[in-house]
Amino acid sequence: EGLVEMNFDLQNNNRAIFSVNIESVEINYS
């Protein structure tokens, strides 16, 4: 999941946040 919020009035006030669901992991050593 994730999103980025951009603020063009305060250009140093942008923010991004991303998450992963740990249980959704797939690995080569199943």
PDB file of all heavy atoms in Angstrom:
ATOM      1  N   GLU A   1       0.864  -1.180   0.000  1.00  0.00           N
ATOM      2  CA  GLU A   1       0.000   0.000   0.000  1.00  0.00           C
ATOM      3  C   GLU A   1       0.902   1.231   0.000  1.00  0.00           C
ATOM      4  O   GLU A   1       2.050   1.152   0.438  1.00  0.00           O
ATOM      5  CB  GLU A   1      -0.870   0.052   1.270  1.00  0.00           C
ATOM      6  CG  GLU A   1      -1.795  -1.115   1.476  1.00  0.00           C
ATOM      7  CD  GLU A   1      -3.051  -1.030   0.635  1.00  0.00           C
ATOM      8  OE1 GLU A   1      -3.399   0.076   0.175  1.00  0.00           O
ATOM      9  OE2 GLU A   1      -3.672  -2.084   0.433  1.00  0.00           O
ATOM     10  N   GLY A   2       0.385   2.354  -0.445  1.00  0.00           N
ATOM     11  CA  GLY A   2       1.183   3.565  -0.352  1.00  0.00           C
ATOM     12  C   GLY A   2       0.547   4.758  -1.017  1.00  0.00           C
ATOM     13  O   GLY A   2      -0.349   4.635  -1.843  1.00  0.00           O
ATOM     14  N   LEU A   3       1.060   5.897  -0.615  1.00  0.00           N
ATOM     15  CA  LEU A   3       0.643   7.156  -1.227  1.00  0.00           C
ATOM     16  C   LEU A   3       1.701   8.219  -0.982  1.00  0.00           C
ATOM     17  O   LEU A   3       2.539   8.109  -0.084  1.00  0.00           O
ATOM     18  CB  LEU A   3      -0.718   7.612  -0.711  1.00  0.00           C
ATOM     19  CG  LEU A   3      -0.887   7.925   0.760  1.00  0.00           C
ATOM     20  CD1 LEU A   3      -0.561   9.367   1.071  1.00  0.00           C
ATOM     21  CD2 LEU A   3      -2.320   7.636   1.149  1.00  0.00           C
ATOM     22  N   VAL A   4       1.641   9.238  -1.819  1.00  0.00           N
ATOM     23  CA  VAL A   4       2.514  10.398  -1.696  1.00  0.00           C
ATOM     24  C   VAL A   4       1.618  11.616  -1.709  1.00  0.00           C
ATOM     25  O   VAL A   4       0.718  11.720  -2.540  1.00  0.00           O
ATOM     26  CB  VAL A   4       3.531  10.480  -2.863  1.00  0.00           C
ATOM     27  CG1 VAL A   4       4.359  11.750  -2.786  1.00  0.00           C
ATOM     28  CG2 VAL A   4       4.418   9.247  -2.885  1.00  0.00           C
ATOM     29  N   GLU A   5       1.871  12.530  -0.772  1.00  0.00           N
ATOM     30  CA  GLU A   5       1.147  13.803  -0.769  1.00  0.00           C
ATOM     31  C   GLU A   5       2.147  14.913  -1.035  1.00  0.00           C
ATOM     32  O   GLU A   5       3.182  15.005  -0.369  1.00  0.00           O
ATOM     33  CB  GLU A   5       0.414  14.008   0.554  1.00  0.00           C
ATOM     34  CG  GLU A   5      -0.738  13.034   0.683  1.00  0.00           C
ATOM     35  CD  GLU A   5      -1.724  13.398   1.767  1.00  0.00           C
ATOM     36  OE1 GLU A   5      -1.538  14.387   2.480  1.00  0.00           O
ATOM     37  OE2 GLU A   5      -2.705  12.679   1.896  1.00  0.00           O
ATOM     38  N   MET A   6       1.812  15.721  -2.049  1.00  0.00           N
ATOM     39  CA  MET A   6       2.683  16.815  -2.474  1.00  0.00           C
ATOM     40  C   MET A   6       2.042  18.142  -2.098  1.00  0.00           C
ATOM     41  O   MET A   6       0.860  18.355  -2.350  1.00  0.00           O
ATOM     42  CB  MET A   6       2.900  16.761  -3.991  1.00  0.00           C
ATOM     43  CG  MET A   6       3.471  15.444  -4.496  1.00  0.00           C
ATOM     44  SD  MET A   6       5.128  15.096  -3.895  1.00  0.00           S
ATOM     45  CE  MET A   6       6.054  16.366  -4.724  1.00  0.00           C
ATOM     46  N   ASN A   7       2.825  19.031  -1.526  1.00  0.00           N
ATOM     47  CA  ASN A   7       2.364  20.346  -1.137  1.00  0.00           C
ATOM     48  C   ASN A   7       3.166  21.376  -1.929  1.00  0.00           C
ATOM     49  O   ASN A   7       4.354  21.544  -1.698  1.00  0.00           O
ATOM     50  CB  ASN A   7       2.553  20.550   0.366  1.00  0.00           C
ATOM     51  CG  ASN A   7       1.966  21.850   0.841  1.00  0.00           C
ATOM     52  OD1 ASN A   7       2.193  22.894   0.241  1.00  0.00           O
ATOM     53  ND2 ASN A   7       1.223  21.796   1.931  1.00  0.00           N
ATOM     54  N   PHE A   8       2.514  22.043  -2.859  1.00  0.00           N
ATOM     55  CA  PHE A   8       3.226  22.984  -3.714  1.00  0.00           C
ATOM     56  C   PHE A   8       3.395  24.353  -3.064  1.00  0.00           C
ATOM     57  O   PHE A   8       4.197  25.151  -3.521  1.00  0.00           O
ATOM     58  CB  PHE A   8       2.534  23.087  -5.069  1.00  0.00           C
ATOM     59  CG  PHE A   8       2.631  21.800  -5.829  1.00  0.00           C
ATOM     60  CD1 PHE A   8       1.542  20.955  -5.937  1.00  0.00           C
ATOM     61  CD2 PHE A   8       3.828  21.397  -6.404  1.00  0.00           C
ATOM     62  CE1 PHE A   8       1.632  19.749  -6.607  1.00  0.00           C
ATOM     63  CE2 PHE A   8       3.942  20.200  -7.077  1.00  0.00           C
ATOM     64  CZ  PHE A   8       2.842  19.381  -7.178  1.00  0.00           C
ATOM     65  N   ASP A   9       2.644  24.628  -1.985  1.00  0.00           N
ATOM     66  CA  ASP A   9       2.843  25.870  -1.246  1.00  0.00           C
ATOM     67  C   ASP A   9       4.093  25.768  -0.371  1.00  0.00           C
ATOM     68  O   ASP A   9       4.906  26.684  -0.326  1.00  0.00           O
ATOM     69  CB  ASP A   9       1.620  26.187  -0.373  1.00  0.00           C
ATOM     70  CG  ASP A   9       0.371  26.432  -1.202  1.00  0.00           C
ATOM     71  OD1 ASP A   9       0.506  26.917  -2.343  1.00  0.00           O
ATOM     72  OD2 ASP A   9      -0.727  26.109  -0.719  1.00  0.00           O
ATOM     73  N   LEU A  10       4.219  24.667   0.326  1.00  0.00           N
ATOM     74  CA  LEU A  10       5.380  24.408   1.188  1.00  0.00           C
ATOM     75  C   LEU A  10       6.109  23.201   0.605  1.00  0.00           C
ATOM     76  O   LEU A  10       5.848  22.065   0.982  1.00  0.00           O
ATOM     77  CB  LEU A  10       4.932  24.112   2.620  1.00  0.00           C
ATOM     78  CG  LEU A  10       4.094  25.189   3.296  1.00  0.00           C
ATOM     79  CD1 LEU A  10       3.498  24.665   4.595  1.00  0.00           C
ATOM     80  CD2 LEU A  10       4.956  26.411   3.570  1.00  0.00           C
ATOM     81  N   GLN A  11       7.032  23.438  -0.326  1.00  0.00           N
ATOM     82  CA  GLN A  11       7.645  22.336  -1.074  1.00  0.00           C
ATOM     83  C   GLN A  11       8.439  21.373  -0.202  1.00  0.00           C
ATOM     84  O   GLN A  11       8.736  20.272  -0.615  1.00  0.00           O
ATOM     85  CB  GLN A  11       8.529  22.881  -2.189  1.00  0.00           C
ATOM     86  CG  GLN A  11       7.713  23.472  -3.303  1.00  0.00           C
ATOM     87  CD  GLN A  11       8.551  23.719  -4.538  1.00  0.00           C
ATOM     88  OE1 GLN A  11       9.749  23.507  -4.553  1.00  0.00           O
ATOM     89  NE2 GLN A  11       7.905  24.175  -5.584  1.00  0.00           N
ATOM     90  N   ASN A  12       8.791  21.783   1.005  1.00  0.00           N
ATOM     91  CA  ASN A  12       9.494  20.860   1.889  1.00  0.00           C
ATOM     92  C   ASN A  12       8.528  20.129   2.816  1.00  0.00           C
ATOM     93  O   ASN A  12       8.938  19.501   3.768  1.00  0.00           O
ATOM     94  CB  ASN A  12      10.561  21.599   2.709  1.00  0.00           C
ATOM     95  CG  ASN A  12       9.953  22.611   3.659  1.00  0.00           C
ATOM     96  OD1 ASN A  12       8.792  22.987   3.515  1.00  0.00           O
ATOM     97  ND2 ASN A  12      10.735  23.057   4.619  1.00  0.00           N
ATOM     98  N   ASN A  13       7.244  20.201   2.523  1.00  0.00           N
ATOM     99  CA  ASN A  13       6.217  19.576   3.358  1.00  0.00           C
ATOM    100  C   ASN A  13       5.539  18.412   2.634  1.00  0.00           C
ATOM    101  O   ASN A  13       4.378  18.129   2.844  1.00  0.00           O
ATOM    102  CB  ASN A  13       5.182  20.626   3.771  1.00  0.00           C
ATOM    103  CG  ASN A  13       4.471  20.258   5.047  1.00  0.00           C
ATOM    104  OD1 ASN A  13       4.966  19.473   5.848  1.00  0.00           O
ATOM    105  ND2 ASN A  13       3.285  20.803   5.240  1.00  0.00           N
ATOM    106  N   ASN A  14       6.290  17.742   1.750  1.00  0.00           N
ATOM    107  CA  ASN A  14       5.788  16.574   1.044  1.00  0.00           C
ATOM    108  C   ASN A  14       5.996  15.351   1.929  1.00  0.00           C
ATOM    109  O   ASN A  14       6.867  15.346   2.798  1.00  0.00           O
ATOM    110  CB  ASN A  14       6.540  16.410  -0.277  1.00  0.00           C
ATOM    111  CG  ASN A  14       6.421  17.647  -1.138  1.00  0.00           C
ATOM    112  OD1 ASN A  14       5.335  18.141  -1.400  1.00  0.00           O
ATOM    113  ND2 ASN A  14       7.551  18.172  -1.565  1.00  0.00           N
ATOM    114  N   ARG A  15       5.215  14.304   1.666  1.00  0.00           N
ATOM    115  CA  ARG A  15       5.343  13.108   2.501  1.00  0.00           C
ATOM    116  C   ARG A  15       4.902  11.881   1.716  1.00  0.00           C
ATOM    117  O   ARG A  15       3.950  11.937   0.937  1.00  0.00           O
ATOM    118  CB  ARG A  15       4.488  13.241   3.745  1.00  0.00           C
ATOM    119  CG  ARG A  15       4.719  12.118   4.732  1.00  0.00           C
ATOM    120  CD  ARG A  15       4.124  12.439   6.052  1.00  0.00           C
ATOM    121  NE  ARG A  15       4.445  11.393   7.012  1.00  0.00           N
ATOM    122  CZ  ARG A  15       3.919  11.330   8.204  1.00  0.00           C
ATOM    123  NH1 ARG A  15       3.056  12.242   8.599  1.00  0.00           N
ATOM    124  NH2 ARG A  15       4.253  10.364   9.029  1.00  0.00           N
ATOM    125  N   ALA A  16       5.597  10.785   1.948  1.00  0.00           N
ATOM    126  CA  ALA A  16       5.240   9.507   1.340  1.00  0.00           C
ATOM    127  C   ALA A  16       5.274   8.438   2.420  1.00  0.00           C
ATOM    128  O   ALA A  16       6.120   8.481   3.323  1.00  0.00           O
ATOM    129  CB  ALA A  16       6.218   9.161   0.226  1.00  0.00           C
ATOM    130  N   ILE A  17       4.344   7.498   2.319  1.00  0.00           N
ATOM    131  CA  ILE A  17       4.310   6.385   3.261  1.00  0.00           C
ATOM    132  C   ILE A  17       3.898   5.131   2.497  1.00  0.00           C
ATOM    133  O   ILE A  17       2.975   5.166   1.676  1.00  0.00           O
ATOM    134  CB  ILE A  17       3.380   6.677   4.458  1.00  0.00           C
ATOM    135  CG1 ILE A  17       3.520   5.613   5.525  1.00  0.00           C
ATOM    136  CG2 ILE A  17       1.960   6.866   4.030  1.00  0.00           C
ATOM    137  CD1 ILE A  17       2.932   6.002   6.872  1.00  0.00           C
ATOM    138  N   PHE A  18       4.645   4.048   2.748  1.00  0.00           N
ATOM    139  CA  PHE A  18       4.389   2.774   2.075  1.00  0.00           C
ATOM    140  C   PHE A  18       4.422   1.666   3.107  1.00  0.00           C
ATOM    141  O   PHE A  18       5.177   1.721   4.072  1.00  0.00           O
ATOM    142  CB  PHE A  18       5.445   2.516   0.989  1.00  0.00           C
ATOM    143  CG  PHE A  18       5.380   3.514  -0.124  1.00  0.00           C
ATOM    144  CD1 PHE A  18       6.143   4.667  -0.083  1.00  0.00           C
ATOM    145  CD2 PHE A  18       4.523   3.313  -1.193  1.00  0.00           C
ATOM    146  CE1 PHE A  18       6.068   5.605  -1.092  1.00  0.00           C
ATOM    147  CE2 PHE A  18       4.440   4.248  -2.211  1.00  0.00           C
ATOM    148  CZ  PHE A  18       5.212   5.395  -2.167  1.00  0.00           C
ATOM    149  N   SER A  19       3.612   0.641   2.882  1.00  0.00           N
ATOM    150  CA  SER A  19       3.582  -0.491   3.797  1.00  0.00           C
ATOM    151  C   SER A  19       3.544  -1.790   3.013  1.00  0.00           C
ATOM    152  O   SER A  19       3.091  -1.828   1.863  1.00  0.00           O
ATOM    153  CB  SER A  19       2.374  -0.411   4.725  1.00  0.00           C
ATOM    154  OG  SER A  19       1.186  -0.609   3.995  1.00  0.00           O
ATOM    155  N   VAL A  20       4.021  -2.844   3.661  1.00  0.00           N
ATOM    156  CA  VAL A  20       3.894  -4.190   3.109  1.00  0.00           C
ATOM    157  C   VAL A  20       3.222  -5.067   4.154  1.00  0.00           C
ATOM    158  O   VAL A  20       3.447  -4.909   5.351  1.00  0.00           O
ATOM    159  CB  VAL A  20       5.252  -4.811   2.687  1.00  0.00           C
ATOM    160  CG1 VAL A  20       5.896  -4.011   1.590  1.00  0.00           C
ATOM    161  CG2 VAL A  20       6.183  -4.979   3.866  1.00  0.00           C
ATOM    162  N   ASN A  21       2.401  -5.973   3.686  1.00  0.00           N
ATOM    163  CA  ASN A  21       1.798  -6.991   4.532  1.00  0.00           C
ATOM    164  C   ASN A  21       2.817  -8.123   4.613  1.00  0.00           C
ATOM    165  O   ASN A  21       3.126  -8.760   3.601  1.00  0.00           O
ATOM    166  CB  ASN A  21       0.478  -7.465   3.923  1.00  0.00           C
ATOM    167  CG  ASN A  21      -0.164  -8.573   4.720  1.00  0.00           C
ATOM    168  OD1 ASN A  21       0.444  -9.198   5.577  1.00  0.00           O
ATOM    169  ND2 ASN A  21      -1.423  -8.836   4.419  1.00  0.00           N
ATOM    170  N   ILE A  22       3.366  -8.357   5.793  1.00  0.00           N
ATOM    171  CA  ILE A  22       4.418  -9.360   5.979  1.00  0.00           C
ATOM    172  C   ILE A  22       3.968 -10.737   5.494  1.00  0.00           C
ATOM    173  O   ILE A  22       4.731 -11.470   4.866  1.00  0.00           O
ATOM    174  CB  ILE A  22       4.860  -9.418   7.459  1.00  0.00           C
ATOM    175  CG1 ILE A  22       5.484  -8.087   7.893  1.00  0.00           C
ATOM    176  CG2 ILE A  22       5.803 -10.584   7.709  1.00  0.00           C
ATOM    177  CD1 ILE A  22       6.727  -7.683   7.141  1.00  0.00           C
ATOM    178  N   GLU A  23       2.714 -11.087   5.748  1.00  0.00           N
ATOM    179  CA  GLU A  23       2.222 -12.413   5.377  1.00  0.00           C
ATOM    180  C   GLU A  23       2.166 -12.611   3.865  1.00  0.00           C
ATOM    181  O   GLU A  23       2.117 -13.740   3.378  1.00  0.00           O
ATOM    182  CB  GLU A  23       0.842 -12.666   5.996  1.00  0.00           C
ATOM    183  CG  GLU A  23       0.408 -14.093   5.873  1.00  0.00           C
ATOM    184  CD  GLU A  23      -0.819 -14.417   6.707  1.00  0.00           C
ATOM    185  OE1 GLU A  23      -1.526 -13.486   7.134  1.00  0.00           O
ATOM    186  OE2 GLU A  23      -1.046 -15.599   6.941  1.00  0.00           O
ATOM    187  N   SER A  24       2.212 -11.546   3.087  1.00  0.00           N
ATOM    188  CA  SER A  24       2.121 -11.649   1.632  1.00  0.00           C
ATOM    189  C   SER A  24       3.466 -11.994   0.977  1.00  0.00           C
ATOM    190  O   SER A  24       3.555 -12.039  -0.245  1.00  0.00           O
ATOM    191  CB  SER A  24       1.582 -10.339   1.042  1.00  0.00           C
ATOM    192  OG  SER A  24       2.575  -9.320   1.067  1.00  0.00           O
ATOM    193  N   VAL A  25       4.485 -12.255   1.780  1.00  0.00           N
ATOM    194  CA  VAL A  25       5.818 -12.515   1.234  1.00  0.00           C
ATOM    195  C   VAL A  25       5.853 -13.854   0.495  1.00  0.00           C
ATOM    196  O   VAL A  25       5.242 -14.833   0.922  1.00  0.00           O
ATOM    197  CB  VAL A  25       6.898 -12.470   2.346  1.00  0.00           C
ATOM    198  CG1 VAL A  25       6.794 -13.650   3.303  1.00  0.00           C
ATOM    199  CG2 VAL A  25       8.289 -12.382   1.737  1.00  0.00           C
ATOM    200  N   GLU A  26       6.508 -13.842  -0.641  1.00  0.00           N
ATOM    201  CA  GLU A  26       6.813 -15.063  -1.382  1.00  0.00           C
ATOM    202  C   GLU A  26       8.324 -15.137  -1.505  1.00  0.00           C
ATOM    203  O   GLU A  26       8.964 -14.138  -1.833  1.00  0.00           O
ATOM    204  CB  GLU A  26       6.163 -15.040  -2.762  1.00  0.00           C
ATOM    205  CG  GLU A  26       4.664 -15.151  -2.720  1.00  0.00           C
ATOM    206  CD  GLU A  26       4.031 -15.225  -4.103  1.00  0.00           C
ATOM    207  OE1 GLU A  26       4.765 -15.258  -5.119  1.00  0.00           O
ATOM    208  OE2 GLU A  26       2.797 -15.235  -4.164  1.00  0.00           O
ATOM    209  N   ILE A  27       8.906 -16.321  -1.212  1.00  0.00           N
ATOM    210  CA  ILE A  27      10.354 -16.478  -1.270  1.00  0.00           C
ATOM    211  C   ILE A  27      10.733 -17.718  -2.080  1.00  0.00           C
ATOM    212  O   ILE A  27       9.926 -18.634  -2.246  1.00  0.00           O
ATOM    213  CB  ILE A  27      10.994 -16.552   0.138  1.00  0.00           C
ATOM    214  CG1 ILE A  27      10.447 -17.730   0.943  1.00  0.00           C
ATOM    215  CG2 ILE A  27      10.818 -15.250   0.879  1.00  0.00           C
ATOM    216  CD1 ILE A  27      11.170 -17.975   2.254  1.00  0.00           C
ATOM    217  N   ASN A  28      11.982 -17.715  -2.559  1.00  0.00           N
ATOM    218  CA  ASN A  28      12.459 -18.850  -3.350  1.00  0.00           C
ATOM    219  C   ASN A  28      12.666 -20.107  -2.497  1.00  0.00           C
ATOM    220  O   ASN A  28      12.649 -21.209  -3.019  1.00  0.00           O
ATOM    221  CB  ASN A  28      13.737 -18.486  -4.102  1.00  0.00           C
ATOM    222  CG  ASN A  28      14.873 -18.036  -3.204  1.00  0.00           C
ATOM    223  OD1 ASN A  28      14.655 -17.480  -2.128  1.00  0.00           O
ATOM    224  ND2 ASN A  28      16.103 -18.245  -3.640  1.00  0.00           N
ATOM    225  N   TYR A  29      12.863 -19.978  -1.201  1.00  0.00           N
ATOM    226  CA  TYR A  29      12.954 -21.124  -0.289  1.00  0.00           C
ATOM    227  C   TYR A  29      11.578 -21.339   0.342  1.00  0.00           C
ATOM    228  O   TYR A  29      11.378 -21.108   1.530  1.00  0.00           O
ATOM    229  CB  TYR A  29      13.991 -20.864   0.809  1.00  0.00           C
ATOM    230  CG  TYR A  29      15.420 -20.917   0.335  1.00  0.00           C
ATOM    231  CD1 TYR A  29      16.118 -19.762   0.034  1.00  0.00           C
ATOM    232  CD2 TYR A  29      16.076 -22.139   0.209  1.00  0.00           C
ATOM    233  CE1 TYR A  29      17.442 -19.811  -0.389  1.00  0.00           C
ATOM    234  CE2 TYR A  29      17.404 -22.201  -0.207  1.00  0.00           C
ATOM    235  CZ  TYR A  29      18.081 -21.029  -0.510  1.00  0.00           C
ATOM    236  OH  TYR A  29      19.390 -21.089  -0.924  1.00  0.00           O
ATOM    237  N   SER A  30      10.615 -21.822  -0.449  1.00  0.00           N
ATOM    238  CA  SER A  30       9.228 -21.906   0.015  1.00  0.00           C
ATOM    239  C   SER A  30       9.067 -22.811   1.236  1.00  0.00           C
ATOM    240  O   SER A  30       8.160 -22.597   2.038  1.00  0.00           O
ATOM    241  CB  SER A  30       8.309 -22.364  -1.113  1.00  0.00           C
ATOM    242  OG  SER A  30       8.726 -23.621  -1.607  1.00  0.00           O
TER     243      SER A  30
END
